[in-house]
Amino acid sequence: MHISQAFATRSPEGSEGPDAGRMRARRPAGGRAAAALTAAVAFALVLTGCGGGGGGNSAPKSAGSTADADRVEPLAAPPAPKLPVTVDSADGAKVTIDSTDRIVPLTGSLSEIVFTLGFGKQVVARDITATFEQAEKLPVVTRAHDVSAESVLSLKPTIVLADTTTGPAEAIDQIRDAGIPLVVVEPAKELADVGRRIDTVAEALGVPSAGTELKERTESRIAAVQKSIPDHADAEKPRVAFLYLRGSASVYLLGGAESGASSLLEAAGAVDAGKESGLDKDFTAITSEALAKAAPDAILVMSKGLASVDGMDGLVKIPGIAETPAGMDRRVVSIDDGVLLNYGPRTDRVLTEIVEQLYAKGGTGQ
């Protein structure tokens, strides 16, 4: 779900929402929207989550389902790494890993994979986007999503995991120059990337068989959720618009083909209304005209984004939303910021929540 990392404006440490790292790497289409999203990153809010209303009964709960979605579910048997291994880093380097005793994952989605593979006790730090419960007491080594090389090095890691959105480049270079094995992983943009990311991390940690097990578990659970989706003809598929909202910064963006949400919506049996209306970039500023063309039956938002506009009542006050079928029906799907676009081991839970809320009888809006 991919965001380029060209946003220079940063907020104080901890003031960005858990989604901001991903949003930082995606430029919206058009200069006005780009400026707006830069402001969003600068002011992104840490607000009380606001979930979408009433879940339906058409989708089964996945293991460890939505009730404990702030936790990861490690594999049953802790893996035994076979080291050393030499792997290809996404930035062209070849990296040899001799030890997994002290691991520093520099994105929340990578932390999720590492913990789920069973390496939670070896993780010694986290990025601010690692919002799940098992990681919450770890020291944070990013400042407004910029990596502090000094903080990382002070923890004496034996392996550091980053992805291509991690920065600044100087910090990555400083960690490498200190002799720390640092593996860069390609980011995830869609469901098809889930297995690749798991395999890449598992290989770097010397546990490829555990990676295969986790990949198969995740893919099996995603497939099970998809089987629960009500049958409907293509013409009857719900049209869903993904909106990125940060109310106090007056940032209101409509997702297009590159927003990162299309794959999830399509897997849930829906149509990405922004993409289908012709928005082939990532995000564009919301206008009445763009919303009228998208004509969504439902709106997908991150929970903190919905809270930032004062919930459903505030959402329909954004120009153009009240006139859409979604606005008139108050039909909203709200997913936690920390997992929506991760495309990792908890994606089955995300898909479960989307399906439950999207197909809930009478809609999910209040």
Protein backbone atom coordinates (compact mmCIF):
# COMPACT_ATOMS: atom_id res chain seq x y z
CA MET A 1 0.00 0.00 0.00
CA HIS A 2 4.13 3.57 -2.75
CA ILE A 3 4.69 6.67 -0.88
CA SER A 4 8.00 8.43 -1.95
CA GLN A 5 9.95 9.89 0.92
CA ALA A 6 10.19 13.50 -0.19
CA PHE A 7 8.46 15.21 2.73
CA ALA A 8 10.90 17.40 4.59
CA THR A 9 8.50 18.91 7.13
CA ARG A 10 8.49 16.91 10.35
CA SER A 11 6.55 17.07 13.55
CA PRO A 12 7.90 16.54 17.06
CA GLU A 13 8.58 12.96 18.00
CA GLY A 14 5.46 10.96 18.66
CA SER A 15 3.06 13.55 17.22
CA GLU A 16 2.37 11.72 13.99
CA GLY A 17 -0.22 9.03 13.64
CA PRO A 18 0.94 5.44 13.06
CA ASP A 19 0.05 5.77 9.40
CA ALA A 20 2.19 8.81 8.67
CA GLY A 21 5.29 6.90 7.64
CA ARG A 22 3.37 5.30 4.81
CA MET A 23 1.70 8.55 3.85
CA ARG A 24 5.07 10.30 3.92
CA ALA A 25 6.26 8.12 1.08
CA ARG A 26 3.28 8.79 -1.19
CA ARG A 27 2.89 12.06 -2.99
CA PRO A 28 -0.68 13.02 -3.90
CA ALA A 29 -1.39 14.13 -7.43
CA GLY A 30 -1.23 17.88 -7.96
CA GLY A 31 0.71 20.62 -6.20
CA ARG A 32 -2.16 21.73 -3.99
CA ALA A 33 -2.72 18.22 -2.71
CA ALA A 34 0.99 17.69 -2.24
CA ALA A 35 1.20 20.76 -0.05
CA ALA A 36 -1.82 19.56 1.87
CA LEU A 37 -0.32 16.16 2.51
CA THR A 38 2.95 17.72 3.62
CA ALA A 39 0.92 19.64 6.18
CA ALA A 40 -0.76 16.39 7.18
CA VAL A 41 2.56 14.81 7.89
CA ALA A 42 3.67 17.84 9.85
CA PHE A 43 0.57 17.92 12.03
CA ALA A 44 -0.68 14.31 11.85
CA LEU A 45 -2.72 13.58 14.87
CA VAL A 46 -2.51 11.04 17.63
CA LEU A 47 -6.20 10.84 18.45
CA THR A 48 -8.50 8.39 20.12
CA GLY A 49 -9.43 5.74 17.55
CA CYS A 50 -12.98 5.77 16.29
CA GLY A 51 -14.10 2.45 14.92
CA GLY A 52 -16.72 1.95 12.26
CA GLY A 53 -20.06 0.93 13.64
CA GLY A 54 -21.75 -2.41 13.88
CA GLY A 55 -20.09 -5.45 12.42
CA GLY A 56 -22.22 -7.80 10.35
CA ASN A 57 -22.45 -11.55 10.68
CA SER A 58 -21.54 -12.48 7.11
CA ALA A 59 -17.79 -12.87 7.67
CA PRO A 60 -16.14 -15.37 10.01
CA LYS A 61 -13.75 -14.17 12.65
CA SER A 62 -10.16 -14.97 11.73
CA ALA A 63 -7.90 -16.44 14.38
CA GLY A 64 -6.98 -13.77 16.89
CA SER A 65 -9.58 -11.59 15.21
CA THR A 66 -10.66 -7.99 15.57
CA ALA A 67 -11.13 -8.12 19.34
CA ASP A 68 -7.35 -8.30 19.79
CA ALA A 69 -6.22 -6.62 16.58
CA ASP A 70 -3.68 -4.59 18.56
CA ARG A 71 -1.66 -7.76 19.12
CA VAL A 72 0.24 -10.01 16.75
CA GLU A 73 -0.07 -13.80 16.84
CA PRO A 74 3.36 -15.47 16.79
CA LEU A 75 3.86 -18.89 15.28
CA ALA A 76 3.39 -21.68 17.81
CA ALA A 77 6.98 -22.97 17.74
CA PRO A 78 9.85 -20.49 18.12
CA PRO A 79 12.15 -20.90 15.11
CA ALA A 80 15.82 -21.89 15.32
CA PRO A 81 17.80 -19.68 12.93
CA LYS A 82 20.39 -21.28 10.65
CA LEU A 83 23.14 -18.68 10.37
CA PRO A 84 25.13 -17.14 8.86
CA VAL A 85 23.10 -16.20 5.80
CA THR A 86 23.84 -13.77 2.99
CA VAL A 87 20.87 -12.02 1.42
CA ASP A 88 20.26 -9.41 -1.26
CA SER A 89 19.14 -6.04 0.07
CA ALA A 90 16.63 -4.07 -2.01
CA ASP A 91 19.13 -1.21 -2.36
CA GLY A 92 21.62 -3.45 -4.15
CA ALA A 93 23.85 -4.48 -1.25
CA LYS A 94 24.67 -8.04 -0.26
CA VAL A 95 24.32 -8.46 3.50
CA THR A 96 25.63 -11.24 5.72
CA ILE A 97 23.82 -11.86 9.00
CA ASP A 98 25.61 -13.80 11.74
CA SER A 99 23.24 -13.20 14.66
CA THR A 100 19.59 -12.42 15.35
CA ASP A 101 20.17 -11.73 19.05
CA ARG A 102 19.39 -7.99 18.79
CA ILE A 103 16.98 -7.00 16.02
CA VAL A 104 15.88 -3.47 15.10
CA PRO A 105 13.01 -3.29 12.56
CA LEU A 106 12.61 0.29 11.32
CA THR A 107 8.96 0.14 10.23
CA GLY A 108 5.84 -1.06 12.00
CA SER A 109 5.01 -3.53 9.25
CA LEU A 110 8.47 -5.11 9.47
CA SER A 111 8.14 -5.31 13.26
CA GLU A 112 4.85 -7.12 12.78
CA ILE A 113 6.50 -9.77 10.63
CA VAL A 114 9.49 -10.18 12.96
CA PHE A 115 7.30 -10.60 16.03
CA THR A 116 4.92 -12.99 14.25
CA LEU A 117 7.84 -15.15 13.10
CA GLY A 118 8.61 -15.60 16.81
CA PHE A 119 11.51 -13.18 17.31
CA GLY A 120 9.75 -10.77 19.67
CA LYS A 121 12.19 -11.34 22.54
CA GLN A 122 15.13 -10.42 20.32
CA VAL A 123 13.66 -7.11 19.13
CA VAL A 124 15.35 -4.27 21.03
CA ALA A 125 13.71 -1.18 19.51
CA ARG A 126 10.80 -0.01 17.38
CA ASP A 127 9.71 2.61 14.92
CA ILE A 128 6.81 4.84 15.99
CA THR A 129 4.54 2.98 13.56
CA ALA A 130 4.85 -0.29 15.52
CA THR A 131 1.59 0.16 17.41
CA PHE A 132 0.76 -3.40 18.48
CA GLU A 133 0.77 -4.31 22.16
CA GLN A 134 3.83 -6.57 22.29
CA ALA A 135 6.07 -3.79 20.97
CA GLU A 136 4.73 -0.85 22.95
CA LYS A 137 7.37 -0.86 25.72
CA LEU A 138 10.34 -0.92 23.37
CA PRO A 139 12.43 2.25 22.95
CA VAL A 140 11.57 4.31 19.86
CA VAL A 141 14.50 4.98 17.54
CA THR A 142 12.75 7.31 15.11
CA ARG A 143 11.93 10.98 15.43
CA ALA A 144 8.85 11.87 13.41
CA HIS A 145 9.72 8.78 11.32
CA ASP A 146 13.29 9.87 10.63
CA VAL A 147 15.66 7.22 11.94
CA SER A 148 18.11 8.29 14.63
CA ALA A 149 21.29 6.44 13.72
CA GLU A 150 22.76 7.25 17.12
CA SER A 151 19.79 5.70 18.91
CA VAL A 152 19.97 2.58 16.79
CA LEU A 153 23.72 2.15 17.25
CA SER A 154 23.49 2.67 21.01
CA LEU A 155 21.42 -0.53 21.22
CA LYS A 156 24.18 -2.59 19.57
CA PRO A 157 21.92 -4.36 17.07
CA THR A 158 23.08 -7.48 15.27
CA ILE A 159 20.66 -6.88 12.37
CA VAL A 160 18.62 -3.86 11.25
CA LEU A 161 15.64 -4.20 8.90
CA ALA A 162 14.45 -1.22 6.85
CA ASP A 163 12.43 -0.66 3.72
CA THR A 164 12.89 1.72 0.82
CA THR A 165 10.78 4.40 2.51
CA THR A 166 13.06 4.47 5.56
CA GLY A 167 15.22 7.57 5.91
CA PRO A 168 17.08 9.75 5.94
CA ALA A 169 19.68 8.14 3.69
CA GLU A 170 22.45 9.55 5.87
CA ALA A 171 21.19 7.57 8.85
CA ILE A 172 21.07 4.35 6.85
CA ASP A 173 24.60 4.96 5.63
CA GLN A 174 25.80 5.72 9.16
CA ILE A 175 24.39 2.44 10.48
CA ARG A 176 25.99 0.49 7.64
CA ASP A 177 29.30 2.30 8.03
CA ALA A 178 29.36 1.16 11.67
CA GLY A 179 29.44 -2.43 10.42
CA ILE A 180 25.83 -3.33 11.34
CA PRO A 181 24.14 -5.74 8.89
CA LEU A 182 21.25 -3.70 7.43
CA VAL A 183 18.74 -5.26 5.05
CA VAL A 184 16.42 -3.07 2.99
CA VAL A 185 13.10 -4.69 2.01
CA GLU A 186 10.84 -3.60 -0.83
CA PRO A 187 7.63 -2.08 0.61
CA ALA A 188 4.24 -3.74 0.26
CA LYS A 189 1.67 -2.15 -2.04
CA GLU A 190 -0.94 -4.89 -2.42
CA LEU A 191 -2.06 -8.32 -1.25
CA ALA A 192 0.30 -10.02 -3.68
CA ASP A 193 3.22 -8.54 -1.72
CA VAL A 194 2.32 -10.17 1.60
CA GLY A 195 4.05 -13.48 0.94
CA ARG A 196 7.10 -11.84 -0.62
CA ARG A 197 7.69 -9.61 2.40
CA ILE A 198 7.33 -12.50 4.85
CA ASP A 199 9.76 -14.64 2.83
CA THR A 200 12.30 -11.82 2.60
CA VAL A 201 12.32 -11.15 6.34
CA ALA A 202 12.36 -14.84 7.23
CA GLU A 203 15.33 -15.44 4.92
CA ALA A 204 17.26 -12.56 6.51
CA LEU A 205 16.60 -14.02 9.96
CA GLY A 206 17.72 -17.49 8.90
CA VAL A 207 14.30 -19.14 9.22
CA PRO A 208 12.96 -19.65 5.67
CA SER A 209 10.78 -22.59 6.74
CA ALA A 210 9.08 -20.45 9.40
CA GLY A 211 8.51 -17.85 6.68
CA THR A 212 6.82 -20.47 4.53
CA GLU A 213 4.63 -21.50 7.46
CA LEU A 214 3.62 -17.93 8.22
CA LYS A 215 3.02 -17.13 4.57
CA GLU A 216 0.78 -20.17 4.15
CA ARG A 217 -1.10 -19.36 7.37
CA THR A 218 -1.68 -15.77 6.29
CA GLU A 219 -2.73 -16.63 2.75
CA SER A 220 -5.05 -19.37 4.01
CA ARG A 221 -6.77 -16.96 6.40
CA ILE A 222 -7.15 -14.31 3.72
CA ALA A 223 -8.73 -16.90 1.41
CA ALA A 224 -11.12 -17.97 4.19
CA VAL A 225 -12.29 -14.39 4.66
CA GLN A 226 -12.85 -13.99 0.92
CA LYS A 227 -15.09 -17.06 0.89
CA SER A 228 -17.43 -15.25 3.28
CA ILE A 229 -18.08 -12.35 0.89
CA PRO A 230 -21.68 -12.28 -0.37
CA ASP A 231 -22.08 -13.24 -4.01
CA HIS A 232 -23.04 -10.42 -6.31
CA ALA A 233 -22.70 -9.54 -9.95
CA ASP A 234 -19.97 -7.14 -11.00
CA ALA A 235 -22.55 -4.43 -11.57
CA GLU A 236 -23.71 -4.80 -7.97
CA LYS A 237 -20.32 -4.62 -6.29
CA PRO A 238 -20.21 -1.81 -3.72
CA ARG A 239 -18.17 1.21 -4.79
CA VAL A 240 -15.85 2.28 -1.97
CA ALA A 241 -13.78 5.47 -1.83
CA PHE A 242 -10.66 5.54 0.35
CA LEU A 243 -10.28 8.92 2.04
CA TYR A 244 -7.21 10.16 3.89
CA LEU A 245 -8.32 12.69 6.50
CA ARG A 246 -6.47 14.89 8.98
CA GLY A 247 -9.03 17.40 10.18
CA SER A 248 -6.93 19.84 12.20
CA ALA A 249 -4.57 20.24 9.23
CA SER A 250 -7.55 20.60 6.83
CA VAL A 251 -6.27 17.70 4.77
CA TYR A 252 -8.96 15.82 2.86
CA LEU A 253 -7.68 13.49 0.16
CA LEU A 254 -9.36 10.97 -2.16
CA GLY A 255 -7.39 7.83 -2.93
CA GLY A 256 -6.74 6.69 -6.47
CA ALA A 257 -5.16 3.63 -8.07
CA GLU A 258 -1.85 4.02 -6.20
CA SER A 259 -3.25 4.81 -2.74
CA GLY A 260 -2.54 1.30 -1.47
CA ALA A 261 -6.16 0.48 -0.67
CA SER A 262 -7.28 -0.82 -4.08
CA SER A 263 -6.04 -4.36 -3.53
CA LEU A 264 -7.84 -4.66 -0.18
CA LEU A 265 -11.09 -3.28 -1.56
CA GLU A 266 -11.00 -5.59 -4.55
CA ALA A 267 -10.21 -8.56 -2.32
CA ALA A 268 -13.29 -7.62 -0.27
CA GLY A 269 -15.45 -7.85 -3.38
CA ALA A 270 -15.72 -4.09 -3.81
CA VAL A 271 -14.74 -1.55 -6.46
CA ASP A 272 -12.20 1.17 -5.63
CA ALA A 273 -14.37 4.13 -6.55
CA GLY A 274 -11.46 6.55 -6.87
CA LYS A 275 -9.48 4.23 -9.13
CA GLU A 276 -12.54 3.35 -11.22
CA SER A 277 -13.40 7.02 -11.70
CA GLY A 278 -10.06 7.57 -13.43
CA LEU A 279 -7.72 8.63 -10.61
CA ASP A 280 -4.58 6.76 -11.65
CA LYS A 281 -2.23 8.41 -9.13
CA ASP A 282 -2.17 8.03 -5.36
CA PHE A 283 -4.18 10.88 -3.84
CA THR A 284 -5.93 14.02 -4.97
CA ALA A 285 -7.64 16.76 -3.00
CA ILE A 286 -11.30 16.03 -2.34
CA THR A 287 -13.68 18.11 -4.46
CA SER A 288 -17.41 17.86 -4.97
CA GLU A 289 -16.74 17.07 -8.62
CA ALA A 290 -14.31 14.25 -7.85
CA LEU A 291 -16.69 12.72 -5.32
CA ALA A 292 -19.64 12.98 -7.69
CA LYS A 293 -17.63 11.13 -10.35
CA ALA A 294 -16.51 8.48 -7.88
CA ALA A 295 -20.08 8.11 -6.51
CA PRO A 296 -19.08 5.80 -3.63
CA ASP A 297 -21.62 3.57 -1.91
CA ALA A 298 -19.30 3.46 1.12
CA ILE A 299 -16.23 5.28 2.39
CA LEU A 300 -13.10 3.64 3.80
CA VAL A 301 -11.17 5.70 6.36
CA MET A 302 -8.53 5.22 9.01
CA SER A 303 -9.94 5.45 12.50
CA LYS A 304 -7.81 8.40 13.58
CA GLY A 305 -8.72 10.20 10.39
CA LEU A 306 -12.41 9.77 11.12
CA ALA A 307 -11.88 10.96 14.69
CA SER A 308 -9.97 14.00 13.42
CA VAL A 309 -13.08 15.27 11.62
CA ASP A 310 -15.34 14.55 14.63
CA GLY A 311 -16.71 11.28 13.37
CA MET A 312 -19.54 10.65 10.97
CA ASP A 313 -21.26 13.96 11.71
CA GLY A 314 -18.11 15.86 10.78
CA LEU A 315 -17.35 13.66 7.78
CA VAL A 316 -20.58 14.56 6.00
CA LYS A 317 -19.77 18.25 6.44
CA ILE A 318 -16.80 17.92 4.08
CA PRO A 319 -18.01 19.43 0.78
CA GLY A 320 -19.43 16.81 -1.56
CA ILE A 321 -19.58 13.86 0.84
CA ALA A 322 -23.19 14.34 1.99
CA GLU A 323 -24.32 14.20 -1.66
CA THR A 324 -22.72 10.80 -2.36
CA PRO A 325 -24.65 7.56 -1.82
CA ALA A 326 -22.19 6.80 1.02
CA GLY A 327 -22.85 10.15 2.68
CA MET A 328 -26.60 9.88 2.34
CA ASP A 329 -26.54 6.38 3.85
CA ARG A 330 -23.83 7.33 6.40
CA ARG A 331 -22.00 4.20 5.31
CA VAL A 332 -18.40 4.17 6.54
CA VAL A 333 -15.78 1.46 7.02
CA SER A 334 -13.25 2.52 9.69
CA ILE A 335 -10.02 0.56 10.21
CA ASP A 336 -7.19 1.14 12.68
CA ASP A 337 -4.37 3.25 11.24
CA GLY A 338 -1.66 0.90 12.46
CA VAL A 339 -2.77 -2.10 10.38
CA LEU A 340 -4.82 -0.94 7.39
CA LEU A 341 -2.04 -0.69 4.81
CA ASN A 342 0.58 -2.97 6.38
CA TYR A 343 0.00 -5.95 4.07
CA GLY A 344 1.46 -8.39 6.54
CA PRO A 345 0.47 -11.22 8.90
CA ARG A 346 -2.59 -9.32 10.21
CA THR A 347 -4.03 -8.51 6.79
CA ASP A 348 -6.64 -11.24 7.19
CA ARG A 349 -7.97 -9.33 10.22
CA VAL A 350 -8.05 -6.10 8.23
CA LEU A 351 -9.94 -7.82 5.43
CA THR A 352 -12.32 -9.37 7.96
CA GLU A 353 -13.14 -5.94 9.39
CA ILE A 354 -13.68 -4.45 5.94
CA VAL A 355 -16.00 -7.29 4.93
CA GLU A 356 -17.93 -7.24 8.21
CA GLN A 357 -18.48 -3.48 8.11
CA LEU A 358 -19.06 -3.19 4.37
CA TYR A 359 -21.71 -5.90 4.23
CA ALA A 360 -23.26 -5.26 7.63
CA LYS A 361 -27.01 -5.14 7.33
CA GLY A 362 -28.09 -1.53 7.12
CA GLY A 363 -24.51 -0.26 6.69
CA THR A 364 -22.01 0.75 9.33
CA GLY A 365 -22.62 4.45 9.71
CA GLN A 366 -24.31 5.78 12.81
